């Protein structure tokens, strides 16, 4: 999960303030990150309950980025406030003992300065995994998306480069998106074939609702030969969601990295998910330093 080993020591006390967590989850049986109505499973509800048990008081969690129902994460960050103090190992092992099988915490640490899991993040990175084979998968059902039609990954990669840079992503934004602006800076996007799998790797300063899955849906149309590579640029320029086609299924999507300035002390991610790492050169699994960081502007006095 991490670029450098993170020993679960009993020699380091964590707590009495804002505490950060790094964790992963299998999204198949969750209705997304966010707390839902009673009886509906969410990652936030399960993790909040487990952290509260170890802290010995109710806590509220703030995560780096909410994920939808069925979406996975191999590296997610959240923070909470507590007056309790525990050794690092006690936080991690105690929380995991109270968690269900499909969520696992890997690290805990005191937040530095004004760290905020969401607002301090300078980029997010996702990988979308497609099993491109005539017969549906059995073992990896729910962990990858399945497309039976042959996909041309090289054409998809060429088409995707039109999305790099700062753009209005209205054409790839869900109708119910609550973000105040559709403008995002997309750092990089690659599409590569690894045997029978096609992997889309995309990083941006942030994403609007369903942005990655809508981009993937459009790229699949290009890879299947339904649209030429130049169509992606046309859809982007149109700023019209109805032109971009279908939204790709959630279960192929993984949040694989969230980046923060070095001073906050959040351990860097070795980009996953784990079963994908051997398919890539080790350099491809390292964080990509952002070239474009939106600096928070100070609030002007009235």
C-alpha atoms as a PDB file:
ATOM      1  CA  UNK A   1       0.000   0.000   0.000  1.00  0.00           C
ATOM      2  CA  UNK A   2       2.824   2.414   0.826  1.00  0.00           C
ATOM      3  CA  UNK A   3       6.013   3.435  -0.936  1.00  0.00           C
ATOM      4  CA  UNK A   4       7.917   3.005   2.317  1.00  0.00           C
ATOM      5  CA  UNK A   5       7.207   0.462   5.100  1.00  0.00           C
ATOM      6  CA  UNK A   6       5.044   1.788   7.944  1.00  0.00           C
ATOM      7  CA  UNK A   7       5.916  -0.249  11.074  1.00  0.00           C
ATOM      8  CA  UNK A   8       3.019  -0.824  13.461  1.00  0.00           C
ATOM      9  CA  UNK A   9       5.011   0.300  16.466  1.00  0.00           C
ATOM     10  CA  UNK A  10       3.871   0.576  20.059  1.00  0.00           C
ATOM     11  CA  UNK A  11       6.498   3.270  20.669  1.00  0.00           C
ATOM     12  CA  UNK A  12       4.593   6.104  18.949  1.00  0.00           C
ATOM     13  CA  UNK A  13       1.519   7.601  20.606  1.00  0.00           C
ATOM     14  CA  UNK A  14      -1.208   8.949  18.331  1.00  0.00           C
ATOM     15  CA  UNK A  15      -4.198  11.082  19.320  1.00  0.00           C
ATOM     16  CA  UNK A  16      -5.182  14.113  21.390  1.00  0.00           C
ATOM     17  CA  UNK A  17      -6.135  16.142  18.314  1.00  0.00           C
ATOM     18  CA  UNK A  18      -6.751  15.416  14.654  1.00  0.00           C
ATOM     19  CA  UNK A  19      -5.819  11.887  13.577  1.00  0.00           C
ATOM     20  CA  UNK A  20      -5.398  10.741   9.967  1.00  0.00           C
ATOM     21  CA  UNK A  21      -6.025   7.202   8.701  1.00  0.00           C
ATOM     22  CA  UNK A  22      -4.945   5.400   5.528  1.00  0.00           C
ATOM     23  CA  UNK A  23      -7.173   2.464   4.546  1.00  0.00           C
ATOM     24  CA  UNK A  24      -8.560   0.365   1.713  1.00  0.00           C
ATOM     25  CA  UNK A  25     -11.891  -1.275   0.937  1.00  0.00           C
ATOM     26  CA  UNK A  26     -13.687  -3.578  -1.457  1.00  0.00           C
ATOM     27  CA  UNK A  27     -16.714  -1.598  -2.589  1.00  0.00           C
ATOM     28  CA  UNK A  28     -18.854  -4.476  -3.867  1.00  0.00           C
ATOM     29  CA  UNK A  29     -21.175  -4.703  -0.860  1.00  0.00           C
ATOM     30  CA  UNK A  30     -21.231  -0.990  -0.014  1.00  0.00           C
ATOM     31  CA  UNK A  31     -23.580   1.747  -1.156  1.00  0.00           C
ATOM     32  CA  UNK A  32     -20.570   4.063  -1.422  1.00  0.00           C
ATOM     33  CA  UNK A  33     -18.566   5.969   1.157  1.00  0.00           C
ATOM     34  CA  UNK A  34     -21.229   8.277   2.566  1.00  0.00           C
ATOM     35  CA  UNK A  35     -23.524   7.520   5.487  1.00  0.00           C
ATOM     36  CA  UNK A  36     -26.883   6.207   4.271  1.00  0.00           C
ATOM     37  CA  UNK A  37     -30.280   5.599   5.795  1.00  0.00           C
ATOM     38  CA  UNK A  38     -30.510   2.905   8.438  1.00  0.00           C
ATOM     39  CA  UNK A  39     -29.861  -0.606   7.164  1.00  0.00           C
ATOM     40  CA  UNK A  40     -27.862   0.442   4.096  1.00  0.00           C
ATOM     41  CA  UNK A  41     -24.147  -0.359   4.279  1.00  0.00           C
ATOM     42  CA  UNK A  42     -21.607   2.415   3.732  1.00  0.00           C
ATOM     43  CA  UNK A  43     -17.852   2.541   4.241  1.00  0.00           C
ATOM     44  CA  UNK A  44     -18.197   5.642   6.404  1.00  0.00           C
ATOM     45  CA  UNK A  45     -20.680   3.985   8.762  1.00  0.00           C
ATOM     46  CA  UNK A  46     -18.562   0.850   9.245  1.00  0.00           C
ATOM     47  CA  UNK A  47     -15.302   2.740   9.753  1.00  0.00           C
ATOM     48  CA  UNK A  48     -16.867   5.379  11.987  1.00  0.00           C
ATOM     49  CA  UNK A  49     -18.320   2.705  14.256  1.00  0.00           C
ATOM     50  CA  UNK A  50     -14.966   0.907  14.516  1.00  0.00           C
ATOM     51  CA  UNK A  51     -12.949   4.079  15.178  1.00  0.00           C
ATOM     52  CA  UNK A  52     -15.465   5.210  17.817  1.00  0.00           C
ATOM     53  CA  UNK A  53     -15.055   1.891  19.614  1.00  0.00           C
ATOM     54  CA  UNK A  54     -11.265   2.268  19.831  1.00  0.00           C
ATOM     55  CA  UNK A  55     -11.433   5.987  20.697  1.00  0.00           C
ATOM     56  CA  UNK A  56     -14.106   5.229  23.317  1.00  0.00           C
ATOM     57  CA  UNK A  57     -16.281   8.101  22.108  1.00  0.00           C
ATOM     58  CA  UNK A  58     -18.312   8.949  18.982  1.00  0.00           C
ATOM     59  CA  UNK A  59     -16.256  10.331  16.085  1.00  0.00           C
ATOM     60  CA  UNK A  60     -17.056  11.941  12.743  1.00  0.00           C
ATOM     61  CA  UNK A  61     -14.927  11.101   9.721  1.00  0.00           C
ATOM     62  CA  UNK A  62     -13.907  13.316   6.783  1.00  0.00           C
ATOM     63  CA  UNK A  63     -12.478  11.482   3.756  1.00  0.00           C
ATOM     64  CA  UNK A  64     -10.321  12.615   0.836  1.00  0.00           C
ATOM     65  CA  UNK A  65     -12.990  11.832  -1.740  1.00  0.00           C
ATOM     66  CA  UNK A  66     -16.346  10.098  -1.635  1.00  0.00           C
ATOM     67  CA  UNK A  67     -16.725   6.989  -3.767  1.00  0.00           C
ATOM     68  CA  UNK A  68     -19.971   5.664  -5.243  1.00  0.00           C
ATOM     69  CA  UNK A  69     -21.712   2.345  -4.670  1.00  0.00           C
ATOM     70  CA  UNK A  70     -19.574  -0.523  -5.944  1.00  0.00           C
ATOM     71  CA  UNK A  71     -16.378   1.554  -6.297  1.00  0.00           C
ATOM     72  CA  UNK A  72     -13.228   0.290  -4.554  1.00  0.00           C
ATOM     73  CA  UNK A  73     -10.240   2.021  -3.007  1.00  0.00           C
ATOM     74  CA  UNK A  74      -6.703   0.713  -2.534  1.00  0.00           C
ATOM     75  CA  UNK A  75      -5.657   3.980  -0.848  1.00  0.00           C
ATOM     76  CA  UNK A  76      -8.086   6.301   0.902  1.00  0.00           C
ATOM     77  CA  UNK A  77      -7.399   8.946   3.569  1.00  0.00           C
ATOM     78  CA  UNK A  78      -9.719  10.207   6.304  1.00  0.00           C
ATOM     79  CA  UNK A  79      -9.366  12.217   9.505  1.00  0.00           C
ATOM     80  CA  UNK A  80     -11.224  12.552  12.803  1.00  0.00           C
ATOM     81  CA  UNK A  81     -10.910  14.476  16.079  1.00  0.00           C
ATOM     82  CA  UNK A  82     -10.204  12.752  19.381  1.00  0.00           C
ATOM     83  CA  UNK A  83      -8.930  13.466  22.883  1.00  0.00           C
ATOM     84  CA  UNK A  84      -7.917   9.809  23.255  1.00  0.00           C
ATOM     85  CA  UNK A  85      -4.286   8.700  22.956  1.00  0.00           C
ATOM     86  CA  UNK A  86      -3.295   5.214  21.824  1.00  0.00           C
ATOM     87  CA  UNK A  87      -0.102   3.651  20.422  1.00  0.00           C
ATOM     88  CA  UNK A  88      -0.101   3.573  16.619  1.00  0.00           C
ATOM     89  CA  UNK A  89      -0.406  -0.216  16.645  1.00  0.00           C
ATOM     90  CA  UNK A  90      -3.414  -0.074  18.953  1.00  0.00           C
ATOM     91  CA  UNK A  91      -5.282   2.291  16.636  1.00  0.00           C
ATOM     92  CA  UNK A  92      -4.640   0.171  13.531  1.00  0.00           C
ATOM     93  CA  UNK A  93      -5.129  -3.289  15.009  1.00  0.00           C
ATOM     94  CA  UNK A  94      -7.986  -2.209  17.264  1.00  0.00           C
ATOM     95  CA  UNK A  95      -9.917  -0.571  14.432  1.00  0.00           C
ATOM     96  CA  UNK A  96      -9.367  -3.571  12.146  1.00  0.00           C
ATOM     97  CA  UNK A  97     -10.623  -5.947  14.839  1.00  0.00           C
ATOM     98  CA  UNK A  98     -13.880  -3.983  14.890  1.00  0.00           C
ATOM     99  CA  UNK A  99     -14.166  -3.703  11.082  1.00  0.00           C
ATOM    100  CA  UNK A 100     -15.889  -6.098   8.657  1.00  0.00           C
ATOM    101  CA  UNK A 101     -13.813  -8.202   6.240  1.00  0.00           C
ATOM    102  CA  UNK A 102     -13.996  -5.731   3.331  1.00  0.00           C
ATOM    103  CA  UNK A 103     -12.344  -2.674   4.992  1.00  0.00           C
ATOM    104  CA  UNK A 104      -8.793  -2.539   6.336  1.00  0.00           C
ATOM    105  CA  UNK A 105      -6.869   0.299   8.002  1.00  0.00           C
ATOM    106  CA  UNK A 106      -3.105   0.286   7.333  1.00  0.00           C
ATOM    107  CA  UNK A 107      -1.820   3.414   9.121  1.00  0.00           C
ATOM    108  CA  UNK A 108      -2.750   6.090  11.675  1.00  0.00           C
ATOM    109  CA  UNK A 109      -0.923   9.289  12.547  1.00  0.00           C
ATOM    110  CA  UNK A 110      -1.361  12.716  14.080  1.00  0.00           C
ATOM    111  CA  UNK A 111      -2.324  15.336  11.548  1.00  0.00           C
ATOM    112  CA  UNK A 112       0.207  18.131  11.111  1.00  0.00           C
ATOM    113  CA  UNK A 113      -0.753  21.813  11.086  1.00  0.00           C
ATOM    114  CA  UNK A 114      -4.058  22.533   9.365  1.00  0.00           C
ATOM    115  CA  UNK A 115      -4.239  19.166   7.598  1.00  0.00           C
ATOM    116  CA  UNK A 116      -7.663  18.317   6.189  1.00  0.00           C
ATOM    117  CA  UNK A 117      -8.241  14.993   4.426  1.00  0.00           C
ATOM    118  CA  UNK A 118     -10.331  16.592   1.685  1.00  0.00           C
ATOM    119  CA  UNK A 119      -9.237  20.197   1.341  1.00  0.00           C
ATOM    120  CA  UNK A 120      -5.491  19.608   1.754  1.00  0.00           C
ATOM    121  CA  UNK A 121      -5.412  17.056  -1.080  1.00  0.00           C
ATOM    122  CA  UNK A 122      -3.720  18.332  -4.241  1.00  0.00           C
ATOM    123  CA  UNK A 123      -4.627  15.421  -6.516  1.00  0.00           C
ATOM    124  CA  UNK A 124      -6.596  12.196  -6.761  1.00  0.00           C
ATOM    125  CA  UNK A 125      -5.745   9.224  -8.962  1.00  0.00           C
ATOM    126  CA  UNK A 126      -7.974   6.411 -10.198  1.00  0.00           C
ATOM    127  CA  UNK A 127      -7.468   3.231 -12.170  1.00  0.00           C
ATOM    128  CA  UNK A 128     -10.290   1.603 -14.114  1.00  0.00           C
ATOM    129  CA  UNK A 129      -9.861  -2.085 -14.979  1.00  0.00           C
ATOM    130  CA  UNK A 130     -11.645  -3.737 -17.928  1.00  0.00           C
ATOM    131  CA  UNK A 131     -11.583  -7.477 -18.577  1.00  0.00           C
ATOM    132  CA  UNK A 132     -11.690  -7.542 -22.389  1.00  0.00           C
ATOM    133  CA  UNK A 133     -12.540 -11.108 -23.299  1.00  0.00           C
ATOM    134  CA  UNK A 134     -15.476 -12.906 -25.020  1.00  0.00           C
ATOM    135  CA  UNK A 135     -16.455 -14.805 -21.840  1.00  0.00           C
ATOM    136  CA  UNK A 136     -17.402 -13.042 -18.600  1.00  0.00           C
ATOM    137  CA  UNK A 137     -15.106 -13.404 -15.560  1.00  0.00           C
ATOM    138  CA  UNK A 138     -15.992 -15.623 -12.636  1.00  0.00           C
ATOM    139  CA  UNK A 139     -13.253 -15.240 -10.031  1.00  0.00           C
ATOM    140  CA  UNK A 140     -12.858 -11.452 -10.497  1.00  0.00           C
ATOM    141  CA  UNK A 141     -16.565 -10.719 -10.788  1.00  0.00           C
ATOM    142  CA  UNK A 142     -17.220  -7.420  -9.010  1.00  0.00           C
ATOM    143  CA  UNK A 143     -13.536  -6.446  -9.123  1.00  0.00           C
ATOM    144  CA  UNK A 144     -13.289  -5.631 -12.831  1.00  0.00           C
ATOM    145  CA  UNK A 145     -15.591  -4.430 -15.564  1.00  0.00           C
ATOM    146  CA  UNK A 146     -16.295  -6.789 -18.480  1.00  0.00           C
ATOM    147  CA  UNK A 147     -16.417  -5.817 -22.164  1.00  0.00           C
ATOM    148  CA  UNK A 148     -16.733  -8.710 -24.611  1.00  0.00           C
ATOM    149  CA  UNK A 149     -16.125  -6.651 -27.773  1.00  0.00           C
ATOM    150  CA  UNK A 150     -12.437  -6.271 -28.709  1.00  0.00           C
ATOM    151  CA  UNK A 151     -11.070  -2.878 -27.601  1.00  0.00           C
ATOM    152  CA  UNK A 152      -8.257  -0.971 -29.297  1.00  0.00           C
ATOM    153  CA  UNK A 153      -6.354   0.410 -26.286  1.00  0.00           C
ATOM    154  CA  UNK A 154      -3.999   2.436 -28.499  1.00  0.00           C
ATOM    155  CA  UNK A 155      -6.940   4.283 -30.083  1.00  0.00           C
ATOM    156  CA  UNK A 156      -8.442   4.871 -26.654  1.00  0.00           C
ATOM    157  CA  UNK A 157      -5.156   6.308 -25.378  1.00  0.00           C
ATOM    158  CA  UNK A 158      -4.862   8.657 -28.357  1.00  0.00           C
ATOM    159  CA  UNK A 159      -8.429   9.883 -27.911  1.00  0.00           C
ATOM    160  CA  UNK A 160      -7.973  10.418 -24.166  1.00  0.00           C
ATOM    161  CA  UNK A 161      -5.140  12.917 -24.591  1.00  0.00           C
ATOM    162  CA  UNK A 162      -7.697  15.564 -25.611  1.00  0.00           C
ATOM    163  CA  UNK A 163      -8.816  15.595 -21.962  1.00  0.00           C
ATOM    164  CA  UNK A 164      -5.434  16.554 -20.489  1.00  0.00           C
ATOM    165  CA  UNK A 165      -5.270  20.069 -19.041  1.00  0.00           C
ATOM    166  CA  UNK A 166      -7.817  22.409 -17.491  1.00  0.00           C
ATOM    167  CA  UNK A 167     -11.269  22.060 -19.029  1.00  0.00           C
ATOM    168  CA  UNK A 168     -14.973  22.377 -18.379  1.00  0.00           C
ATOM    169  CA  UNK A 169     -15.950  18.721 -17.925  1.00  0.00           C
ATOM    170  CA  UNK A 170     -19.722  19.256 -18.123  1.00  0.00           C
ATOM    171  CA  UNK A 171     -19.962  16.547 -20.802  1.00  0.00           C
ATOM    172  CA  UNK A 172     -18.607  14.016 -18.306  1.00  0.00           C
ATOM    173  CA  UNK A 173     -20.470  15.256 -15.231  1.00  0.00           C
ATOM    174  CA  UNK A 174     -23.439  13.482 -13.643  1.00  0.00           C
ATOM    175  CA  UNK A 175     -26.734  15.366 -13.798  1.00  0.00           C
ATOM    176  CA  UNK A 176     -26.987  15.409  -9.995  1.00  0.00           C
ATOM    177  CA  UNK A 177     -23.435  16.648  -9.389  1.00  0.00           C
ATOM    178  CA  UNK A 178     -23.363  19.235  -6.587  1.00  0.00           C
ATOM    179  CA  UNK A 179     -19.935  20.729  -7.340  1.00  0.00           C
ATOM    180  CA  UNK A 180     -20.088  24.488  -7.827  1.00  0.00           C
ATOM    181  CA  UNK A 181     -17.954  24.301 -10.989  1.00  0.00           C
ATOM    182  CA  UNK A 182     -17.333  21.651 -13.685  1.00  0.00           C
ATOM    183  CA  UNK A 183     -13.781  22.922 -14.283  1.00  0.00           C
ATOM    184  CA  UNK A 184     -11.003  20.506 -13.349  1.00  0.00           C
ATOM    185  CA  UNK A 185      -7.320  20.104 -14.228  1.00  0.00           C
ATOM    186  CA  UNK A 186      -6.646  16.598 -15.547  1.00  0.00           C
ATOM    187  CA  UNK A 187      -2.933  15.886 -15.058  1.00  0.00           C
ATOM    188  CA  UNK A 188      -2.551  12.719 -17.066  1.00  0.00           C
ATOM    189  CA  UNK A 189      -4.525   9.825 -18.530  1.00  0.00           C
ATOM    190  CA  UNK A 190      -3.156   6.636 -20.029  1.00  0.00           C
ATOM    191  CA  UNK A 191      -4.848   3.607 -21.551  1.00  0.00           C
ATOM    192  CA  UNK A 192      -2.844   0.410 -21.798  1.00  0.00           C
ATOM    193  CA  UNK A 193      -3.483  -3.257 -22.528  1.00  0.00           C
ATOM    194  CA  UNK A 194      -2.143  -5.908 -20.155  1.00  0.00           C
ATOM    195  CA  UNK A 195      -3.034  -9.246 -21.752  1.00  0.00           C
ATOM    196  CA  UNK A 196      -6.828  -9.552 -21.626  1.00  0.00           C
ATOM    197  CA  UNK A 197      -7.139  -6.440 -19.446  1.00  0.00           C
ATOM    198  CA  UNK A 198      -7.371  -2.774 -20.428  1.00  0.00           C
ATOM    199  CA  UNK A 199      -6.397  -0.301 -17.702  1.00  0.00           C
ATOM    200  CA  UNK A 200      -7.296   3.422 -17.710  1.00  0.00           C
ATOM    201  CA  UNK A 201      -5.096   5.404 -15.309  1.00  0.00           C
ATOM    202  CA  UNK A 202      -6.187   8.994 -14.666  1.00  0.00           C
ATOM    203  CA  UNK A 203      -5.078  11.742 -12.282  1.00  0.00           C
ATOM    204  CA  UNK A 204      -6.580  15.189 -11.703  1.00  0.00           C
ATOM    205  CA  UNK A 205      -6.673  17.846  -9.018  1.00  0.00           C
ATOM    206  CA  UNK A 206     -10.232  16.658  -8.349  1.00  0.00           C
ATOM    207  CA  UNK A 207     -13.130  15.016 -10.182  1.00  0.00           C
ATOM    208  CA  UNK A 208     -16.773  15.928 -10.695  1.00  0.00           C
ATOM    209  CA  UNK A 209     -19.414  13.298  -9.962  1.00  0.00           C
ATOM    210  CA  UNK A 210     -19.108  10.205 -12.221  1.00  0.00           C
ATOM    211  CA  UNK A 211     -16.358  11.941 -14.236  1.00  0.00           C
ATOM    212  CA  UNK A 212     -14.035   8.935 -14.482  1.00  0.00           C
ATOM    213  CA  UNK A 213     -16.805   6.450 -15.268  1.00  0.00           C
ATOM    214  CA  UNK A 214     -18.274   8.765 -17.906  1.00  0.00           C
ATOM    215  CA  UNK A 215     -14.857   9.238 -19.513  1.00  0.00           C
ATOM    216  CA  UNK A 216     -14.346   5.470 -19.532  1.00  0.00           C
ATOM    217  CA  UNK A 217     -17.761   4.926 -21.127  1.00  0.00           C
ATOM    218  CA  UNK A 218     -16.870   7.334 -23.932  1.00  0.00           C
ATOM    219  CA  UNK A 219     -13.421   5.769 -24.421  1.00  0.00           C
ATOM    220  CA  UNK A 220     -14.998   2.317 -24.703  1.00  0.00           C
ATOM    221  CA  UNK A 221     -17.064   3.632 -27.636  1.00  0.00           C
ATOM    222  CA  UNK A 222     -13.800   4.674 -29.308  1.00  0.00           C
ATOM    223  CA  UNK A 223     -12.021   1.401 -28.478  1.00  0.00           C
ATOM    224  CA  UNK A 224     -14.911  -0.635 -29.897  1.00  0.00           C
ATOM    225  CA  UNK A 225     -14.804   1.326 -33.167  1.00  0.00           C
ATOM    226  CA  UNK A 226     -18.156   3.038 -32.666  1.00  0.00           C
ATOM    227  CA  UNK A 227     -16.548   6.497 -32.644  1.00  0.00           C
ATOM    228  CA  UNK A 228     -13.285   7.936 -34.041  1.00  0.00           C
ATOM    229  CA  UNK A 229     -10.595   9.144 -31.615  1.00  0.00           C
ATOM    230  CA  UNK A 230     -11.370  12.808 -32.414  1.00  0.00           C
ATOM    231  CA  UNK A 231     -14.898  12.356 -31.054  1.00  0.00           C
ATOM    232  CA  UNK A 232     -13.684  12.676 -27.440  1.00  0.00           C
ATOM    233  CA  UNK A 233     -12.430  16.230 -28.105  1.00  0.00           C
ATOM    234  CA  UNK A 234     -15.754  17.108 -29.742  1.00  0.00           C
ATOM    235  CA  UNK A 235     -17.732  15.800 -26.774  1.00  0.00           C
ATOM    236  CA  UNK A 236     -15.534  17.720 -24.315  1.00  0.00           C
ATOM    237  CA  UNK A 237     -15.977  20.972 -26.268  1.00  0.00           C
ATOM    238  CA  UNK A 238     -19.762  20.543 -26.470  1.00  0.00           C
ATOM    239  CA  UNK A 239     -20.206  20.680 -22.657  1.00  0.00           C
ATOM    240  CA  UNK A 240     -23.272  18.464 -23.069  1.00  0.00           C
ATOM    241  CA  UNK A 241     -23.608  15.308 -20.977  1.00  0.00           C
ATOM    242  CA  UNK A 242     -26.096  13.726 -23.396  1.00  0.00           C
ATOM    243  CA  UNK A 243     -23.395  13.414 -26.066  1.00  0.00           C
ATOM    244  CA  UNK A 244     -20.879  11.359 -24.067  1.00  0.00           C
ATOM    245  CA  UNK A 245     -22.745   8.041 -24.009  1.00  0.00           C
ATOM    246  CA  UNK A 246     -23.135   5.560 -21.172  1.00  0.00           C
ATOM    247  CA  UNK A 247     -21.584   5.588 -17.709  1.00  0.00           C
ATOM    248  CA  UNK A 248     -19.184   2.679 -17.187  1.00  0.00           C
ATOM    249  CA  UNK A 249     -20.062   0.255 -14.349  1.00  0.00           C
ATOM    250  CA  UNK A 250     -18.665   1.098 -10.886  1.00  0.00           C
ATOM    251  CA  UNK A 251     -16.974  -2.195 -10.048  1.00  0.00           C
ATOM    252  CA  UNK A 252     -13.986  -1.630 -12.361  1.00  0.00           C
ATOM    253  CA  UNK A 253     -13.052   1.633 -10.625  1.00  0.00           C
ATOM    254  CA  UNK A 254     -10.394   2.030  -7.913  1.00  0.00           C
ATOM    255  CA  UNK A 255      -9.261   5.134  -6.024  1.00  0.00           C
ATOM    256  CA  UNK A 256      -5.519   4.390  -5.933  1.00  0.00           C
ATOM    257  CA  UNK A 257      -3.802   7.542  -4.676  1.00  0.00           C
ATOM    258  CA  UNK A 258      -4.483  10.845  -2.941  1.00  0.00           C
ATOM    259  CA  UNK A 259      -1.633  13.357  -2.862  1.00  0.00           C
ATOM    260  CA  UNK A 260      -0.780  15.881  -0.151  1.00  0.00           C
ATOM    261  CA  UNK A 261       2.056  18.376   0.317  1.00  0.00           C
ATOM    262  CA  UNK A 262       5.088  16.736   1.943  1.00  0.00           C
ATOM    263  CA  UNK A 263       4.814  18.755   5.149  1.00  0.00           C
ATOM    264  CA  UNK A 264       1.681  16.938   6.275  1.00  0.00           C
ATOM    265  CA  UNK A 265       3.503  13.637   6.736  1.00  0.00           C
ATOM    266  CA  UNK A 266       0.926  11.430   5.010  1.00  0.00           C
ATOM    267  CA  UNK A 267       2.743   8.294   3.737  1.00  0.00           C
ATOM    268  CA  UNK A 268       2.968   8.080  -0.055  1.00  0.00           C
ATOM    269  CA  UNK A 269       1.060   5.377  -1.900  1.00  0.00           C
ATOM    270  CA  UNK A 270       2.413   2.591  -4.050  1.00  0.00           C
ATOM    271  CA  UNK A 271      -0.346   2.785  -6.620  1.00  0.00           C
ATOM    272  CA  UNK A 272      -2.595  -0.292  -6.782  1.00  0.00           C
ATOM    273  CA  UNK A 273      -4.769  -2.181  -6.645  1.00  0.00           C
ATOM    274  CA  UNK A 274      -2.420  -4.948  -5.574  1.00  0.00           C
ATOM    275  CA  UNK A 275      -3.248  -7.433  -8.338  1.00  0.00           C
ATOM    276  CA  UNK A 276      -2.362  -4.778 -10.967  1.00  0.00           C
ATOM    277  CA  UNK A 277       1.069  -3.792  -9.645  1.00  0.00           C
ATOM    278  CA  UNK A 278       3.040  -6.624 -11.293  1.00  0.00           C
ATOM    279  CA  UNK A 279       1.581  -5.683 -14.678  1.00  0.00           C
ATOM    280  CA  UNK A 280       3.313  -2.298 -14.625  1.00  0.00           C
ATOM    281  CA  UNK A 281       6.874  -1.052 -14.437  1.00  0.00           C
ATOM    282  CA  UNK A 282       7.592  -0.039 -10.791  1.00  0.00           C
ATOM    283  CA  UNK A 283       7.899   3.594 -11.912  1.00  0.00           C
ATOM    284  CA  UNK A 284       4.309   3.462 -13.167  1.00  0.00           C
ATOM    285  CA  UNK A 285       3.181   2.574  -9.647  1.00  0.00           C
ATOM    286  CA  UNK A 286       4.816   5.609  -8.052  1.00  0.00           C
ATOM    287  CA  UNK A 287       2.927   8.855  -7.380  1.00  0.00           C
ATOM    288  CA  UNK A 288       2.896  11.368 -10.233  1.00  0.00           C
ATOM    289  CA  UNK A 289       3.939  14.822  -8.951  1.00  0.00           C
ATOM    290  CA  UNK A 290       1.249  17.320  -9.995  1.00  0.00           C
ATOM    291  CA  UNK A 291       2.174  20.154 -12.334  1.00  0.00           C
ATOM    292  CA  UNK A 292      -0.870  22.228 -11.519  1.00  0.00           C
ATOM    293  CA  UNK A 293      -1.900  22.792  -7.891  1.00  0.00           C
ATOM    294  CA  UNK A 294      -4.877  24.933  -6.968  1.00  0.00           C
ATOM    295  CA  UNK A 295      -3.747  26.875  -3.906  1.00  0.00           C
ATOM    296  CA  UNK A 296      -6.494  27.726  -1.413  1.00  0.00           C
ATOM    297  CA  UNK A 297      -7.105  31.439  -1.516  1.00  0.00           C
ATOM    298  CA  UNK A 298      -7.305  33.278   1.833  1.00  0.00           C
ATOM    299  CA  UNK A 299     -10.732  34.525   2.837  1.00  0.00           C
ATOM    300  CA  UNK A 300     -10.946  38.243   2.198  1.00  0.00           C
ATOM    301  CA  UNK A 301     -12.315  40.371   5.048  1.00  0.00           C
ATOM    302  CA  UNK A 302     -15.697  41.922   4.439  1.00  0.00           C
END
